[in-house]
């Protein structure tokens, strides 16, 4: 609950970003692998296979998450959890083979997309040349904004276990390795922090939950738990700092209720729109930037598209000429319908 109800997680949950999908798989992997491997063979085998496959899927959905895989495998090796490590490799290898076959069939070469990503973003410097480079302190302010207040309380609580076992937990190790590489990578964006943030919050939540459950008085335990959950909403409002267009998501929800059979979203791209998560029904929908775009032209010709949402009034005359009429404004969004 501490992780799931944190402001950054709630913010990213409904957005079509690869960081969201990858972080979800990483949480599954951390939960499966960060356990003692002294149990029954079947339990260790299942944990390793599930953890390995989850790590593999985290990479497939977002290639930089390969850093978490490297960190997790090294952590298991240092901890001498050989059985768990072996089954983790088997589970991850199964996903890797699937990715290799998919790229082979699509691009003609196994792992073509992964290698192209590494070359573009890390080796060639093309990403920094195209999108700009930033110093390591670029992430300092977003990190301060993103971390919930309850997570800071977990820092002193983690010192005793750290001194006792002289080792970092698996989630904290993975988050630290990923963040270190992120700081050294020239091209930086705030959203790149999200997978490390979620995994680090998992480590912090475990420490805080253990401390709360150790309280002797039931009333004190309940009060501390409620306070921690509430503190998750207080911080994080400035992360990420870009315009998140919350009014657009509200407009999409309003537009697709009732007898909506198709939705056109104007002045927005696929990666910024809400999509089926907010539409809530299986109807066709498209995004476009300008009236001249093919998606716009196809939508106004298709009478099934009887709802439109446009940001800052773009293409409003063209929509009205196609039979749409304005029915409501939601912030900067205009909602239109046609019969």
C-alpha atoms as a PDB file:
ATOM      1  CA  UNK A   1       0.000   0.000   0.000  1.00  0.00           C
ATOM      2  CA  UNK A   2       2.803   2.433   0.808  1.00  0.00           C
ATOM      3  CA  UNK A   3       4.276   2.028  -2.663  1.00  0.00           C
ATOM      4  CA  UNK A   4       1.007   1.698  -4.552  1.00  0.00           C
ATOM      5  CA  UNK A   5      -0.559   4.798  -3.001  1.00  0.00           C
ATOM      6  CA  UNK A   6       2.486   7.029  -3.381  1.00  0.00           C
ATOM      7  CA  UNK A   7       1.910  10.129  -5.480  1.00  0.00           C
ATOM      8  CA  UNK A   8       4.456   9.286  -8.235  1.00  0.00           C
ATOM      9  CA  UNK A   9       3.051   5.766  -8.669  1.00  0.00           C
ATOM     10  CA  UNK A  10      -0.526   7.039  -8.911  1.00  0.00           C
ATOM     11  CA  UNK A  11       0.618   9.652 -11.408  1.00  0.00           C
ATOM     12  CA  UNK A  12       2.413   7.210 -13.711  1.00  0.00           C
ATOM     13  CA  UNK A  13      -0.039   4.316 -13.327  1.00  0.00           C
ATOM     14  CA  UNK A  14      -2.481   5.388 -16.008  1.00  0.00           C
ATOM     15  CA  UNK A  15       0.007   6.733 -18.523  1.00  0.00           C
ATOM     16  CA  UNK A  16       1.241   4.865 -21.567  1.00  0.00           C
ATOM     17  CA  UNK A  17       4.916   5.125 -20.653  1.00  0.00           C
ATOM     18  CA  UNK A  18       7.390   2.274 -20.878  1.00  0.00           C
ATOM     19  CA  UNK A  19       8.680   3.236 -17.432  1.00  0.00           C
ATOM     20  CA  UNK A  20       5.295   2.339 -15.924  1.00  0.00           C
ATOM     21  CA  UNK A  21       5.162  -1.125 -17.473  1.00  0.00           C
ATOM     22  CA  UNK A  22       8.795  -1.891 -16.724  1.00  0.00           C
ATOM     23  CA  UNK A  23       8.530  -0.792 -13.087  1.00  0.00           C
ATOM     24  CA  UNK A  24       5.549  -3.112 -12.586  1.00  0.00           C
ATOM     25  CA  UNK A  25       7.552  -6.111 -13.776  1.00  0.00           C
ATOM     26  CA  UNK A  26      10.496  -5.022 -11.627  1.00  0.00           C
ATOM     27  CA  UNK A  27       8.305  -5.063  -8.520  1.00  0.00           C
ATOM     28  CA  UNK A  28       7.227  -8.624  -9.320  1.00  0.00           C
ATOM     29  CA  UNK A  29      10.861  -9.635  -9.788  1.00  0.00           C
ATOM     30  CA  UNK A  30      12.043  -8.003  -6.558  1.00  0.00           C
ATOM     31  CA  UNK A  31       9.285  -9.661  -4.553  1.00  0.00           C
ATOM     32  CA  UNK A  32      10.086 -13.079  -6.013  1.00  0.00           C
ATOM     33  CA  UNK A  33      13.868 -12.918  -5.662  1.00  0.00           C
ATOM     34  CA  UNK A  34      14.370 -11.069  -2.383  1.00  0.00           C
ATOM     35  CA  UNK A  35      13.514 -14.105  -0.262  1.00  0.00           C
ATOM     36  CA  UNK A  36      15.608 -16.694   1.585  1.00  0.00           C
ATOM     37  CA  UNK A  37      16.285 -19.657  -0.717  1.00  0.00           C
ATOM     38  CA  UNK A  38      16.348 -22.171   2.127  1.00  0.00           C
ATOM     39  CA  UNK A  39      12.837 -23.448   1.440  1.00  0.00           C
ATOM     40  CA  UNK A  40      11.616 -26.360  -0.629  1.00  0.00           C
ATOM     41  CA  UNK A  41      13.154 -26.883  -4.051  1.00  0.00           C
ATOM     42  CA  UNK A  42       9.808 -26.267  -5.761  1.00  0.00           C
ATOM     43  CA  UNK A  43       9.432 -22.916  -4.023  1.00  0.00           C
ATOM     44  CA  UNK A  44      12.940 -21.789  -4.961  1.00  0.00           C
ATOM     45  CA  UNK A  45      12.413 -22.968  -8.531  1.00  0.00           C
ATOM     46  CA  UNK A  46       9.159 -21.050  -8.829  1.00  0.00           C
ATOM     47  CA  UNK A  47      10.647 -17.892  -7.305  1.00  0.00           C
ATOM     48  CA  UNK A  48      13.608 -18.008  -9.676  1.00  0.00           C
ATOM     49  CA  UNK A  49      11.539 -18.648 -12.785  1.00  0.00           C
ATOM     50  CA  UNK A  50       8.988 -15.962 -11.928  1.00  0.00           C
ATOM     51  CA  UNK A  51      11.695 -13.483 -10.971  1.00  0.00           C
ATOM     52  CA  UNK A  52      13.751 -14.195 -14.076  1.00  0.00           C
ATOM     53  CA  UNK A  53      10.793 -13.891 -16.422  1.00  0.00           C
ATOM     54  CA  UNK A  54       9.678 -10.671 -14.728  1.00  0.00           C
ATOM     55  CA  UNK A  55      13.177  -9.220 -15.127  1.00  0.00           C
ATOM     56  CA  UNK A  56      13.164 -10.236 -18.773  1.00  0.00           C
ATOM     57  CA  UNK A  57       9.781  -8.623 -19.392  1.00  0.00           C
ATOM     58  CA  UNK A  58      10.967  -5.473 -17.618  1.00  0.00           C
ATOM     59  CA  UNK A  59      13.767  -5.260 -20.185  1.00  0.00           C
ATOM     60  CA  UNK A  60      11.486  -5.988 -23.137  1.00  0.00           C
ATOM     61  CA  UNK A  61       9.184  -3.140 -22.125  1.00  0.00           C
ATOM     62  CA  UNK A  62      12.099  -0.777 -21.456  1.00  0.00           C
ATOM     63  CA  UNK A  63      15.635  -1.652 -22.496  1.00  0.00           C
ATOM     64  CA  UNK A  64      17.489   0.434 -19.843  1.00  0.00           C
ATOM     65  CA  UNK A  65      16.021  -1.934 -17.243  1.00  0.00           C
ATOM     66  CA  UNK A  66      18.722  -4.374 -18.311  1.00  0.00           C
ATOM     67  CA  UNK A  67      20.759  -2.601 -15.633  1.00  0.00           C
ATOM     68  CA  UNK A  68      18.400  -4.026 -13.015  1.00  0.00           C
ATOM     69  CA  UNK A  69      18.996  -7.500 -14.428  1.00  0.00           C
ATOM     70  CA  UNK A  70      22.768  -7.154 -14.165  1.00  0.00           C
ATOM     71  CA  UNK A  71      22.514  -5.794 -10.623  1.00  0.00           C
ATOM     72  CA  UNK A  72      20.097  -8.523  -9.528  1.00  0.00           C
ATOM     73  CA  UNK A  73      22.236 -11.346 -10.904  1.00  0.00           C
ATOM     74  CA  UNK A  74      25.364  -9.936  -9.266  1.00  0.00           C
ATOM     75  CA  UNK A  75      23.509  -9.559  -5.963  1.00  0.00           C
ATOM     76  CA  UNK A  76      22.356 -13.189  -6.068  1.00  0.00           C
ATOM     77  CA  UNK A  77      25.900 -14.319  -6.871  1.00  0.00           C
ATOM     78  CA  UNK A  78      27.450 -12.299  -4.034  1.00  0.00           C
ATOM     79  CA  UNK A  79      24.789 -13.642  -1.668  1.00  0.00           C
ATOM     80  CA  UNK A  80      25.664 -17.186  -2.876  1.00  0.00           C
ATOM     81  CA  UNK A  81      22.058 -17.986  -3.686  1.00  0.00           C
ATOM     82  CA  UNK A  82      23.125 -20.344  -6.422  1.00  0.00           C
ATOM     83  CA  UNK A  83      19.881 -22.265  -6.882  1.00  0.00           C
ATOM     84  CA  UNK A  84      17.845 -19.090  -7.105  1.00  0.00           C
ATOM     85  CA  UNK A  85      20.399 -17.584  -9.478  1.00  0.00           C
ATOM     86  CA  UNK A  86      20.256 -20.601 -11.772  1.00  0.00           C
ATOM     87  CA  UNK A  87      16.472 -20.599 -12.096  1.00  0.00           C
ATOM     88  CA  UNK A  88      16.460 -16.826 -12.497  1.00  0.00           C
ATOM     89  CA  UNK A  89      18.788 -17.190 -15.474  1.00  0.00           C
ATOM     90  CA  UNK A  90      16.528 -19.863 -16.964  1.00  0.00           C
ATOM     91  CA  UNK A  91      13.429 -17.664 -16.635  1.00  0.00           C
ATOM     92  CA  UNK A  92      15.185 -14.632 -18.051  1.00  0.00           C
ATOM     93  CA  UNK A  93      16.711 -16.633 -20.891  1.00  0.00           C
ATOM     94  CA  UNK A  94      13.253 -17.782 -21.992  1.00  0.00           C
ATOM     95  CA  UNK A  95      12.124 -14.174 -22.388  1.00  0.00           C
ATOM     96  CA  UNK A  96      15.406 -13.228 -24.086  1.00  0.00           C
ATOM     97  CA  UNK A  97      14.959 -16.002 -26.642  1.00  0.00           C
ATOM     98  CA  UNK A  98      11.469 -14.700 -27.383  1.00  0.00           C
ATOM     99  CA  UNK A  99      12.814 -11.180 -27.902  1.00  0.00           C
ATOM    100  CA  UNK A 100      15.575 -12.483 -30.153  1.00  0.00           C
ATOM    101  CA  UNK A 101      13.101 -14.406 -32.289  1.00  0.00           C
ATOM    102  CA  UNK A 102      10.766 -11.421 -32.483  1.00  0.00           C
ATOM    103  CA  UNK A 103      13.564  -9.135 -33.672  1.00  0.00           C
ATOM    104  CA  UNK A 104      14.789 -11.787 -36.075  1.00  0.00           C
ATOM    105  CA  UNK A 105      11.365 -12.033 -37.667  1.00  0.00           C
ATOM    106  CA  UNK A 106      10.831  -8.255 -37.660  1.00  0.00           C
ATOM    107  CA  UNK A 107      14.269  -6.832 -38.464  1.00  0.00           C
ATOM    108  CA  UNK A 108      16.102  -9.852 -39.835  1.00  0.00           C
ATOM    109  CA  UNK A 109      18.647  -9.939 -36.986  1.00  0.00           C
ATOM    110  CA  UNK A 110      18.272 -11.277 -33.426  1.00  0.00           C
ATOM    111  CA  UNK A 111      18.236  -8.516 -30.778  1.00  0.00           C
ATOM    112  CA  UNK A 112      18.420  -5.829 -33.460  1.00  0.00           C
ATOM    113  CA  UNK A 113      16.202  -3.373 -31.538  1.00  0.00           C
ATOM    114  CA  UNK A 114      18.132  -3.818 -28.290  1.00  0.00           C
ATOM    115  CA  UNK A 115      21.515  -3.320 -29.953  1.00  0.00           C
ATOM    116  CA  UNK A 116      20.229  -0.309 -31.888  1.00  0.00           C
ATOM    117  CA  UNK A 117      18.944   1.211 -28.654  1.00  0.00           C
ATOM    118  CA  UNK A 118      22.280   0.743 -26.901  1.00  0.00           C
ATOM    119  CA  UNK A 119      24.166   2.230 -29.836  1.00  0.00           C
ATOM    120  CA  UNK A 120      21.886   5.257 -30.177  1.00  0.00           C
ATOM    121  CA  UNK A 121      21.592   6.109 -26.495  1.00  0.00           C
ATOM    122  CA  UNK A 122      24.950   5.035 -25.055  1.00  0.00           C
ATOM    123  CA  UNK A 123      27.679   4.355 -27.587  1.00  0.00           C
ATOM    124  CA  UNK A 124      27.233   6.819 -30.428  1.00  0.00           C
ATOM    125  CA  UNK A 125      26.131   9.894 -28.492  1.00  0.00           C
ATOM    126  CA  UNK A 126      23.296  10.458 -30.959  1.00  0.00           C
ATOM    127  CA  UNK A 127      20.655  10.747 -28.233  1.00  0.00           C
ATOM    128  CA  UNK A 128      22.560  13.524 -26.473  1.00  0.00           C
ATOM    129  CA  UNK A 129      23.143  15.278 -29.788  1.00  0.00           C
ATOM    130  CA  UNK A 130      19.466  15.125 -30.709  1.00  0.00           C
ATOM    131  CA  UNK A 131      17.833  15.781 -27.331  1.00  0.00           C
ATOM    132  CA  UNK A 132      20.553  17.487 -25.324  1.00  0.00           C
ATOM    133  CA  UNK A 133      22.906  16.559 -22.484  1.00  0.00           C
ATOM    134  CA  UNK A 134      22.599  17.480 -18.814  1.00  0.00           C
ATOM    135  CA  UNK A 135      24.942  17.338 -15.807  1.00  0.00           C
ATOM    136  CA  UNK A 136      24.402  14.749 -13.046  1.00  0.00           C
ATOM    137  CA  UNK A 137      22.713  17.280 -10.747  1.00  0.00           C
ATOM    138  CA  UNK A 138      19.818  17.420 -13.235  1.00  0.00           C
ATOM    139  CA  UNK A 139      18.115  14.680 -11.213  1.00  0.00           C
ATOM    140  CA  UNK A 140      18.606  16.244  -7.791  1.00  0.00           C
ATOM    141  CA  UNK A 141      15.475  18.410  -7.689  1.00  0.00           C
ATOM    142  CA  UNK A 142      13.162  15.826  -9.335  1.00  0.00           C
ATOM    143  CA  UNK A 143      14.360  13.238  -6.848  1.00  0.00           C
ATOM    144  CA  UNK A 144      13.605  15.498  -3.888  1.00  0.00           C
ATOM    145  CA  UNK A 145      10.156  16.192  -5.316  1.00  0.00           C
ATOM    146  CA  UNK A 146       9.364  12.560  -6.090  1.00  0.00           C
ATOM    147  CA  UNK A 147      10.324  10.761  -2.879  1.00  0.00           C
ATOM    148  CA  UNK A 148       7.321  10.548  -0.501  1.00  0.00           C
ATOM    149  CA  UNK A 149       7.827  11.894   2.993  1.00  0.00           C
ATOM    150  CA  UNK A 150       7.396   8.472   4.600  1.00  0.00           C
ATOM    151  CA  UNK A 151      10.346   7.133   2.596  1.00  0.00           C
ATOM    152  CA  UNK A 152      12.722   9.591   4.249  1.00  0.00           C
ATOM    153  CA  UNK A 153      11.729   8.124   7.613  1.00  0.00           C
ATOM    154  CA  UNK A 154      12.927   4.738   6.370  1.00  0.00           C
ATOM    155  CA  UNK A 155      16.504   6.008   5.941  1.00  0.00           C
ATOM    156  CA  UNK A 156      17.482   5.948   9.648  1.00  0.00           C
ATOM    157  CA  UNK A 157      15.439   2.773  10.138  1.00  0.00           C
ATOM    158  CA  UNK A 158      17.595   1.046   7.505  1.00  0.00           C
ATOM    159  CA  UNK A 159      20.871   1.742   9.289  1.00  0.00           C
ATOM    160  CA  UNK A 160      20.488  -0.992  11.914  1.00  0.00           C
ATOM    161  CA  UNK A 161      19.807  -3.818   9.386  1.00  0.00           C
ATOM    162  CA  UNK A 162      22.593  -2.463   7.173  1.00  0.00           C
ATOM    163  CA  UNK A 163      25.127  -2.608  10.006  1.00  0.00           C
ATOM    164  CA  UNK A 164      23.866  -5.993  11.171  1.00  0.00           C
ATOM    165  CA  UNK A 165      23.927  -7.798   7.832  1.00  0.00           C
ATOM    166  CA  UNK A 166      26.545  -5.580   6.130  1.00  0.00           C
ATOM    167  CA  UNK A 167      24.660  -5.799   2.872  1.00  0.00           C
ATOM    168  CA  UNK A 168      22.076  -3.823   0.941  1.00  0.00           C
ATOM    169  CA  UNK A 169      18.726  -5.355   0.105  1.00  0.00           C
ATOM    170  CA  UNK A 170      18.142  -6.517  -3.459  1.00  0.00           C
ATOM    171  CA  UNK A 171      15.761  -3.651  -4.377  1.00  0.00           C
ATOM    172  CA  UNK A 172      18.064  -1.001  -2.927  1.00  0.00           C
ATOM    173  CA  UNK A 173      21.102  -2.483  -4.690  1.00  0.00           C
ATOM    174  CA  UNK A 174      19.322  -2.540  -8.045  1.00  0.00           C
ATOM    175  CA  UNK A 175      18.028   1.008  -7.620  1.00  0.00           C
ATOM    176  CA  UNK A 176      21.499   2.269  -6.666  1.00  0.00           C
ATOM    177  CA  UNK A 177      23.211   0.648  -9.668  1.00  0.00           C
ATOM    178  CA  UNK A 178      20.580   1.923 -12.097  1.00  0.00           C
ATOM    179  CA  UNK A 179      20.717   5.458 -10.690  1.00  0.00           C
ATOM    180  CA  UNK A 180      24.516   5.544 -10.817  1.00  0.00           C
ATOM    181  CA  UNK A 181      24.506   4.697 -14.530  1.00  0.00           C
ATOM    182  CA  UNK A 182      21.678   7.165 -15.091  1.00  0.00           C
ATOM    183  CA  UNK A 183      23.782   9.955 -13.600  1.00  0.00           C
ATOM    184  CA  UNK A 184      26.645   9.118 -15.960  1.00  0.00           C
ATOM    185  CA  UNK A 185      24.444   9.026 -19.071  1.00  0.00           C
ATOM    186  CA  UNK A 186      24.505  12.401 -20.904  1.00  0.00           C
ATOM    187  CA  UNK A 187      20.865  12.545 -22.047  1.00  0.00           C
ATOM    188  CA  UNK A 188      18.575  12.866 -19.033  1.00  0.00           C
ATOM    189  CA  UNK A 189      14.821  13.083 -18.550  1.00  0.00           C
ATOM    190  CA  UNK A 190      12.880  13.130 -15.299  1.00  0.00           C
ATOM    191  CA  UNK A 191      10.816  10.080 -16.215  1.00  0.00           C
ATOM    192  CA  UNK A 192      13.978   7.973 -16.470  1.00  0.00           C
ATOM    193  CA  UNK A 193      14.130   8.067 -12.663  1.00  0.00           C
ATOM    194  CA  UNK A 194      10.786   6.341 -12.220  1.00  0.00           C
ATOM    195  CA  UNK A 195      11.830   2.643 -12.270  1.00  0.00           C
ATOM    196  CA  UNK A 196      14.614   3.265  -9.745  1.00  0.00           C
ATOM    197  CA  UNK A 197      12.273   5.351  -7.618  1.00  0.00           C
ATOM    198  CA  UNK A 198       9.649   2.608  -7.422  1.00  0.00           C
ATOM    199  CA  UNK A 199      12.173  -0.116  -6.613  1.00  0.00           C
ATOM    200  CA  UNK A 200      13.835   2.063  -3.959  1.00  0.00           C
ATOM    201  CA  UNK A 201      10.422   2.818  -2.452  1.00  0.00           C
ATOM    202  CA  UNK A 202       9.827  -0.919  -2.190  1.00  0.00           C
ATOM    203  CA  UNK A 203      12.989  -1.249  -0.110  1.00  0.00           C
ATOM    204  CA  UNK A 204      12.017   1.719   2.057  1.00  0.00           C
ATOM    205  CA  UNK A 205       8.456   0.467   2.529  1.00  0.00           C
ATOM    206  CA  UNK A 206       9.711  -2.876   3.823  1.00  0.00           C
ATOM    207  CA  UNK A 207      11.787  -1.166   6.518  1.00  0.00           C
ATOM    208  CA  UNK A 208       9.015   1.207   7.535  1.00  0.00           C
ATOM    209  CA  UNK A 209       6.381  -1.545   7.623  1.00  0.00           C
ATOM    210  CA  UNK A 210       8.623  -3.710   9.807  1.00  0.00           C
ATOM    211  CA  UNK A 211       9.103  -0.835  12.239  1.00  0.00           C
ATOM    212  CA  UNK A 212       5.374  -0.074  12.381  1.00  0.00           C
ATOM    213  CA  UNK A 213       4.372  -3.701  12.994  1.00  0.00           C
ATOM    214  CA  UNK A 214       6.949  -3.897  15.792  1.00  0.00           C
ATOM    215  CA  UNK A 215       5.069  -1.258  17.800  1.00  0.00           C
ATOM    216  CA  UNK A 216       3.422  -2.835  20.829  1.00  0.00           C
ATOM    217  CA  UNK A 217       0.252  -0.753  21.108  1.00  0.00           C
ATOM    218  CA  UNK A 218      -2.427  -1.484  18.437  1.00  0.00           C
ATOM    219  CA  UNK A 219      -3.597   2.121  18.416  1.00  0.00           C
ATOM    220  CA  UNK A 220      -0.085   3.379  17.842  1.00  0.00           C
ATOM    221  CA  UNK A 221       0.429   0.866  15.014  1.00  0.00           C
ATOM    222  CA  UNK A 222      -2.798   1.933  13.310  1.00  0.00           C
ATOM    223  CA  UNK A 223      -2.018   5.616  13.702  1.00  0.00           C
ATOM    224  CA  UNK A 224       1.495   5.232  12.321  1.00  0.00           C
ATOM    225  CA  UNK A 225       0.215   3.251   9.330  1.00  0.00           C
ATOM    226  CA  UNK A 226      -2.462   5.828   8.497  1.00  0.00           C
ATOM    227  CA  UNK A 227       0.040   8.668   8.868  1.00  0.00           C
ATOM    228  CA  UNK A 228       2.541   6.959   6.572  1.00  0.00           C
ATOM    229  CA  UNK A 229      -0.103   6.369   3.907  1.00  0.00           C
ATOM    230  CA  UNK A 230      -1.265   9.977   4.141  1.00  0.00           C
ATOM    231  CA  UNK A 231       2.292  11.270   3.774  1.00  0.00           C
ATOM    232  CA  UNK A 232       2.521   9.476   0.443  1.00  0.00           C
ATOM    233  CA  UNK A 233       0.093  12.012  -1.023  1.00  0.00           C
ATOM    234  CA  UNK A 234       1.768  15.109   0.401  1.00  0.00           C
ATOM    235  CA  UNK A 235       4.944  15.043  -1.655  1.00  0.00           C
ATOM    236  CA  UNK A 236       5.546  14.310  -5.328  1.00  0.00           C
ATOM    237  CA  UNK A 237       3.290  16.954  -6.877  1.00  0.00           C
ATOM    238  CA  UNK A 238       6.226  18.506  -8.721  1.00  0.00           C
ATOM    239  CA  UNK A 239       7.371  15.254 -10.320  1.00  0.00           C
ATOM    240  CA  UNK A 240       7.619  15.319 -13.228  1.00  0.00           C
ATOM    241  CA  UNK A 241       7.771  19.077 -13.664  1.00  0.00           C
ATOM    242  CA  UNK A 242       6.383  19.113 -17.223  1.00  0.00           C
ATOM    243  CA  UNK A 243       2.765  19.912 -18.101  1.00  0.00           C
ATOM    244  CA  UNK A 244       0.855  16.696 -17.391  1.00  0.00           C
ATOM    245  CA  UNK A 245      -2.428  17.911 -18.922  1.00  0.00           C
ATOM    246  CA  UNK A 246      -4.656  16.515 -16.194  1.00  0.00           C
ATOM    247  CA  UNK A 247      -7.568  18.402 -17.756  1.00  0.00           C
ATOM    248  CA  UNK A 248      -7.164  16.300 -20.890  1.00  0.00           C
ATOM    249  CA  UNK A 249      -7.620  13.076 -18.962  1.00  0.00           C
ATOM    250  CA  UNK A 250     -10.753  14.442 -17.305  1.00  0.00           C
ATOM    251  CA  UNK A 251     -12.065  15.525 -20.695  1.00  0.00           C
ATOM    252  CA  UNK A 252     -11.444  12.063 -22.159  1.00  0.00           C
ATOM    253  CA  UNK A 253     -13.411  10.501 -19.311  1.00  0.00           C
ATOM    254  CA  UNK A 254     -16.337  12.880 -19.825  1.00  0.00           C
ATOM    255  CA  UNK A 255     -16.285  12.514 -23.601  1.00  0.00           C
ATOM    256  CA  UNK A 256     -16.461   8.735 -23.667  1.00  0.00           C
ATOM    257  CA  UNK A 257     -19.329   8.197 -21.262  1.00  0.00           C
ATOM    258  CA  UNK A 258     -22.811   7.586 -22.644  1.00  0.00           C
ATOM    259  CA  UNK A 259     -23.270   6.761 -26.327  1.00  0.00           C
ATOM    260  CA  UNK A 260     -19.725   7.510 -27.483  1.00  0.00           C
ATOM    261  CA  UNK A 261     -18.692   5.212 -30.356  1.00  0.00           C
ATOM    262  CA  UNK A 262     -15.388   6.784 -31.383  1.00  0.00           C
ATOM    263  CA  UNK A 263     -13.008   9.437 -30.042  1.00  0.00           C
ATOM    264  CA  UNK A 264     -10.606  11.830 -31.757  1.00  0.00           C
ATOM    265  CA  UNK A 265      -7.993  13.539 -29.563  1.00  0.00           C
ATOM    266  CA  UNK A 266      -6.517  16.655 -31.195  1.00  0.00           C
ATOM    267  CA  UNK A 267      -3.188  18.287 -30.308  1.00  0.00           C
ATOM    268  CA  UNK A 268      -1.810  15.222 -28.561  1.00  0.00           C
ATOM    269  CA  UNK A 269       0.288  12.157 -29.390  1.00  0.00           C
ATOM    270  CA  UNK A 270      -0.062   8.503 -28.509  1.00  0.00           C
ATOM    271  CA  UNK A 271       2.471   8.696 -25.677  1.00  0.00           C
ATOM    272  CA  UNK A 272       0.691  11.540 -23.929  1.00  0.00           C
ATOM    273  CA  UNK A 273      -2.939  10.516 -24.281  1.00  0.00           C
ATOM    274  CA  UNK A 274      -4.895   8.446 -21.803  1.00  0.00           C
ATOM    275  CA  UNK A 275      -6.158   5.752 -24.146  1.00  0.00           C
ATOM    276  CA  UNK A 276      -8.308   2.805 -23.113  1.00  0.00           C
ATOM    277  CA  UNK A 277      -7.371   3.223 -19.442  1.00  0.00           C
ATOM    278  CA  UNK A 278      -9.511   6.372 -19.316  1.00  0.00           C
ATOM    279  CA  UNK A 279     -11.902   5.647 -22.181  1.00  0.00           C
ATOM    280  CA  UNK A 280     -13.205   2.635 -20.283  1.00  0.00           C
ATOM    281  CA  UNK A 281     -14.761   0.878 -23.268  1.00  0.00           C
ATOM    282  CA  UNK A 282     -13.663  -0.842 -26.455  1.00  0.00           C
ATOM    283  CA  UNK A 283     -14.228   1.895 -29.026  1.00  0.00           C
ATOM    284  CA  UNK A 284     -11.886   3.180 -31.748  1.00  0.00           C
ATOM    285  CA  UNK A 285      -9.838   6.281 -30.933  1.00  0.00           C
ATOM    286  CA  UNK A 286      -7.123   8.282 -32.635  1.00  0.00           C
ATOM    287  CA  UNK A 287      -4.706  11.094 -31.853  1.00  0.00           C
ATOM    288  CA  UNK A 288      -3.455  13.826 -34.163  1.00  0.00           C
ATOM    289  CA  UNK A 289      -1.689  17.173 -34.102  1.00  0.00           C
ATOM    290  CA  UNK A 290      -3.174  19.073 -37.045  1.00  0.00           C
ATOM    291  CA  UNK A 291      -6.278  18.945 -39.280  1.00  0.00           C
ATOM    292  CA  UNK A 292      -4.102  17.906 -42.216  1.00  0.00           C
ATOM    293  CA  UNK A 293      -3.012  14.714 -40.441  1.00  0.00           C
ATOM    294  CA  UNK A 294      -4.304  11.434 -41.869  1.00  0.00           C
ATOM    295  CA  UNK A 295      -5.785  10.428 -38.503  1.00  0.00           C
ATOM    296  CA  UNK A 296      -7.835  13.636 -38.388  1.00  0.00           C
ATOM    297  CA  UNK A 297      -9.100  13.257 -41.939  1.00  0.00           C
ATOM    298  CA  UNK A 298     -10.020   9.599 -41.452  1.00  0.00           C
ATOM    299  CA  UNK A 299     -11.867  10.341 -38.218  1.00  0.00           C
ATOM    300  CA  UNK A 300     -14.052  13.151 -39.536  1.00  0.00           C
ATOM    301  CA  UNK A 301     -15.063  10.941 -42.483  1.00  0.00           C
ATOM    302  CA  UNK A 302     -15.987   8.051 -40.177  1.00  0.00           C
ATOM    303  CA  UNK A 303     -19.352   8.769 -38.530  1.00  0.00           C
ATOM    304  CA  UNK A 304     -18.509   6.298 -35.763  1.00  0.00           C
ATOM    305  CA  UNK A 305     -16.224   9.006 -34.385  1.00  0.00           C
ATOM    306  CA  UNK A 306     -18.868  11.053 -32.596  1.00  0.00           C
ATOM    307  CA  UNK A 307     -16.677  12.519 -29.844  1.00  0.00           C
ATOM    308  CA  UNK A 308     -13.659  14.812 -30.006  1.00  0.00           C
ATOM    309  CA  UNK A 309     -11.390  16.449 -27.449  1.00  0.00           C
ATOM    310  CA  UNK A 310      -9.089  19.262 -28.543  1.00  0.00           C
ATOM    311  CA  UNK A 311      -6.349  20.956 -26.532  1.00  0.00           C
ATOM    312  CA  UNK A 312      -6.339  24.768 -26.543  1.00  0.00           C
ATOM    313  CA  UNK A 313      -8.948  24.888 -29.300  1.00  0.00           C
ATOM    314  CA  UNK A 314      -6.757  23.521 -32.081  1.00  0.00           C
ATOM    315  CA  UNK A 315      -8.691  22.527 -35.223  1.00  0.00           C
ATOM    316  CA  UNK A 316     -11.932  23.786 -33.674  1.00  0.00           C
ATOM    317  CA  UNK A 317     -13.258  25.331 -36.938  1.00  0.00           C
ATOM    318  CA  UNK A 318     -12.443  22.163 -38.878  1.00  0.00           C
ATOM    319  CA  UNK A 319     -14.203  19.995 -36.294  1.00  0.00           C
ATOM    320  CA  UNK A 320     -17.294  22.207 -36.351  1.00  0.00           C
ATOM    321  CA  UNK A 321     -17.301  22.124 -40.145  1.00  0.00           C
ATOM    322  CA  UNK A 322     -17.389  18.315 -39.902  1.00  0.00           C
ATOM    323  CA  UNK A 323     -20.568  18.417 -37.808  1.00  0.00           C
ATOM    324  CA  UNK A 324     -19.142  18.548 -34.288  1.00  0.00           C
ATOM    325  CA  UNK A 325     -20.546  20.991 -31.761  1.00  0.00           C
ATOM    326  CA  UNK A 326     -19.009  22.232 -28.535  1.00  0.00           C
ATOM    327  CA  UNK A 327     -20.745  20.907 -25.430  1.00  0.00           C
ATOM    328  CA  UNK A 328     -18.281  21.565 -22.633  1.00  0.00           C
ATOM    329  CA  UNK A 329     -14.913  22.967 -21.702  1.00  0.00           C
ATOM    330  CA  UNK A 330     -12.722  21.124 -19.200  1.00  0.00           C
ATOM    331  CA  UNK A 331      -9.812  23.359 -18.289  1.00  0.00           C
ATOM    332  CA  UNK A 332      -7.903  23.977 -21.513  1.00  0.00           C
ATOM    333  CA  UNK A 333      -9.740  21.159 -23.298  1.00  0.00           C
ATOM    334  CA  UNK A 334     -12.829  21.524 -25.464  1.00  0.00           C
ATOM    335  CA  UNK A 335     -15.231  18.593 -25.685  1.00  0.00           C
ATOM    336  CA  UNK A 336     -17.259  18.184 -28.887  1.00  0.00           C
ATOM    337  CA  UNK A 337     -19.966  15.753 -30.013  1.00  0.00           C
ATOM    338  CA  UNK A 338     -21.842  15.075 -33.223  1.00  0.00           C
ATOM    339  CA  UNK A 339     -24.963  13.094 -34.015  1.00  0.00           C
END
